[in-house]
Amino acid sequence: MTDTQKTTVRDRVERALASCRPYLQADGGDVELLRVTDDGIVELMFQGTCVVCPMSRMTLRAGLERAILKAAPEVRRVESVSSK
């Protein structure tokens, strides 16, 4: 059994986010994993300065989504939501 099979999708998404957090936090921002749906959609909520940053869409796609898809290839899509 590989490491990917041993851990849950949520655990792997959390680890991917943890690897990205120092970059977000360096600029006063952060991200919270709200949920991973049964159909493979990851819902994230930006926090701090990321909420108002004009680059947050690029951060979502080029940074967070890329890291998440590498860690959990079964994820279909990553979305940013504005509230829980």
C-alpha atoms as a PDB file:
ATOM      1  CA  MET A   1       0.000   0.000   0.000  1.00  0.00           C
ATOM      2  CA  THR A   2       1.447   3.375  -0.994  1.00  0.00           C
ATOM      3  CA  ASP A   3       1.478   6.483   1.181  1.00  0.00           C
ATOM      4  CA  THR A   4      -1.238   7.973  -1.063  1.00  0.00           C
ATOM      5  CA  GLN A   5      -3.531   5.041  -0.334  1.00  0.00           C
ATOM      6  CA  LYS A   6      -2.877   5.134   3.444  1.00  0.00           C
ATOM      7  CA  THR A   7      -3.896   8.741   3.996  1.00  0.00           C
ATOM      8  CA  THR A   8      -7.230  10.388   3.406  1.00  0.00           C
ATOM      9  CA  VAL A   9      -7.742  12.982   0.700  1.00  0.00           C
ATOM     10  CA  ARG A  10      -8.362  15.583   3.399  1.00  0.00           C
ATOM     11  CA  ASP A  11      -5.048  14.753   5.099  1.00  0.00           C
ATOM     12  CA  ARG A  12      -3.159  15.102   1.831  1.00  0.00           C
ATOM     13  CA  VAL A  13      -4.895  18.389   1.021  1.00  0.00           C
ATOM     14  CA  GLU A  14      -4.028  19.692   4.504  1.00  0.00           C
ATOM     15  CA  ARG A  15      -0.372  18.744   3.968  1.00  0.00           C
ATOM     16  CA  ALA A  16      -0.327  20.511   0.601  1.00  0.00           C
ATOM     17  CA  LEU A  17      -1.794  23.629   2.195  1.00  0.00           C
ATOM     18  CA  ALA A  18       0.729  23.458   5.036  1.00  0.00           C
ATOM     19  CA  SER A  19       3.526  23.604   2.457  1.00  0.00           C
ATOM     20  CA  CYS A  20       1.989  26.777   0.971  1.00  0.00           C
ATOM     21  CA  ARG A  21       1.057  28.541   4.207  1.00  0.00           C
ATOM     22  CA  PRO A  22       4.453  30.119   4.960  1.00  0.00           C
ATOM     23  CA  TYR A  23       4.256  32.080   1.698  1.00  0.00           C
ATOM     24  CA  LEU A  24       0.730  33.286   2.439  1.00  0.00           C
ATOM     25  CA  GLN A  25       1.538  34.108   6.054  1.00  0.00           C
ATOM     26  CA  ALA A  26       4.639  36.076   5.043  1.00  0.00           C
ATOM     27  CA  ASP A  27       2.266  38.579   3.441  1.00  0.00           C
ATOM     28  CA  GLY A  28      -0.276  38.559   6.291  1.00  0.00           C
ATOM     29  CA  GLY A  29      -2.652  36.031   4.765  1.00  0.00           C
ATOM     30  CA  ASP A  30      -3.686  32.421   5.216  1.00  0.00           C
ATOM     31  CA  VAL A  31      -6.104  29.824   3.916  1.00  0.00           C
ATOM     32  CA  GLU A  32      -8.500  27.438   5.648  1.00  0.00           C
ATOM     33  CA  LEU A  33      -9.691  24.116   4.281  1.00  0.00           C
ATOM     34  CA  LEU A  34     -13.460  24.097   4.720  1.00  0.00           C
ATOM     35  CA  ARG A  35     -14.283  20.748   3.148  1.00  0.00           C
ATOM     36  CA  VAL A  36     -13.579  18.147   0.533  1.00  0.00           C
ATOM     37  CA  THR A  37     -16.808  17.039  -1.115  1.00  0.00           C
ATOM     38  CA  ASP A  38     -17.595  13.467  -2.097  1.00  0.00           C
ATOM     39  CA  ASP A  39     -17.284  14.450  -5.755  1.00  0.00           C
ATOM     40  CA  GLY A  40     -13.725  15.761  -5.353  1.00  0.00           C
ATOM     41  CA  ILE A  41     -14.196  19.485  -4.894  1.00  0.00           C
ATOM     42  CA  VAL A  42     -11.970  21.231  -2.357  1.00  0.00           C
ATOM     43  CA  GLU A  43     -13.433  24.365  -0.776  1.00  0.00           C
ATOM     44  CA  LEU A  44     -10.991  26.869   0.677  1.00  0.00           C
ATOM     45  CA  MET A  45     -11.502  30.176   2.430  1.00  0.00           C
ATOM     46  CA  PHE A  46      -8.841  32.868   2.230  1.00  0.00           C
ATOM     47  CA  GLN A  47      -8.031  34.770   5.409  1.00  0.00           C
ATOM     48  CA  GLY A  48      -6.181  37.948   6.339  1.00  0.00           C
ATOM     49  CA  THR A  49      -4.751  40.005   3.515  1.00  0.00           C
ATOM     50  CA  CYS A  50      -5.531  37.214   1.023  1.00  0.00           C
ATOM     51  CA  VAL A  51      -9.208  38.184   1.259  1.00  0.00           C
ATOM     52  CA  VAL A  52      -8.595  41.549  -0.410  1.00  0.00           C
ATOM     53  CA  CYS A  53      -5.502  40.726  -2.459  1.00  0.00           C
ATOM     54  CA  PRO A  54      -5.971  41.198  -6.221  1.00  0.00           C
ATOM     55  CA  MET A  55      -3.583  38.258  -6.788  1.00  0.00           C
ATOM     56  CA  SER A  56      -5.619  35.770  -4.729  1.00  0.00           C
ATOM     57  CA  ARG A  57      -7.165  34.180  -7.846  1.00  0.00           C
ATOM     58  CA  MET A  58      -3.699  33.516  -9.246  1.00  0.00           C
ATOM     59  CA  THR A  59      -2.537  32.227  -5.865  1.00  0.00           C
ATOM     60  CA  LEU A  60      -5.496  29.857  -5.836  1.00  0.00           C
ATOM     61  CA  ARG A  61      -4.871  28.450  -9.320  1.00  0.00           C
ATOM     62  CA  ALA A  62      -1.085  28.600  -9.734  1.00  0.00           C
ATOM     63  CA  GLY A  63      -0.131  27.883  -6.138  1.00  0.00           C
ATOM     64  CA  LEU A  64      -2.714  26.188  -3.980  1.00  0.00           C
ATOM     65  CA  GLU A  65      -4.553  24.197  -6.644  1.00  0.00           C
ATOM     66  CA  ARG A  66      -1.310  22.969  -8.192  1.00  0.00           C
ATOM     67  CA  ALA A  67       0.003  21.782  -4.795  1.00  0.00           C
ATOM     68  CA  ILE A  68      -3.323  20.123  -3.922  1.00  0.00           C
ATOM     69  CA  LEU A  69      -3.641  18.301  -7.257  1.00  0.00           C
ATOM     70  CA  LYS A  70      -0.089  17.006  -6.940  1.00  0.00           C
ATOM     71  CA  ALA A  71      -0.791  15.682  -3.419  1.00  0.00           C
ATOM     72  CA  ALA A  72      -4.301  14.404  -4.159  1.00  0.00           C
ATOM     73  CA  PRO A  73      -4.791  13.686  -7.871  1.00  0.00           C
ATOM     74  CA  GLU A  74      -8.358  12.507  -7.304  1.00  0.00           C
ATOM     75  CA  VAL A  75      -9.395  16.099  -6.524  1.00  0.00           C
ATOM     76  CA  ARG A  76     -11.362  17.478  -9.463  1.00  0.00           C
ATOM     77  CA  ARG A  77     -11.468  21.178  -8.619  1.00  0.00           C
ATOM     78  CA  VAL A  78     -10.383  23.711  -6.008  1.00  0.00           C
ATOM     79  CA  GLU A  79     -12.714  26.603  -5.176  1.00  0.00           C
ATOM     80  CA  SER A  80     -12.499  29.652  -2.982  1.00  0.00           C
ATOM     81  CA  VAL A  81     -15.598  30.428  -0.931  1.00  0.00           C
ATOM     82  CA  SER A  82     -16.241  33.611   1.004  1.00  0.00           C
ATOM     83  CA  SER A  83     -17.915  32.152   4.109  1.00  0.00           C
ATOM     84  CA  LYS A  84     -18.381  28.900   5.968  1.00  0.00           C
END
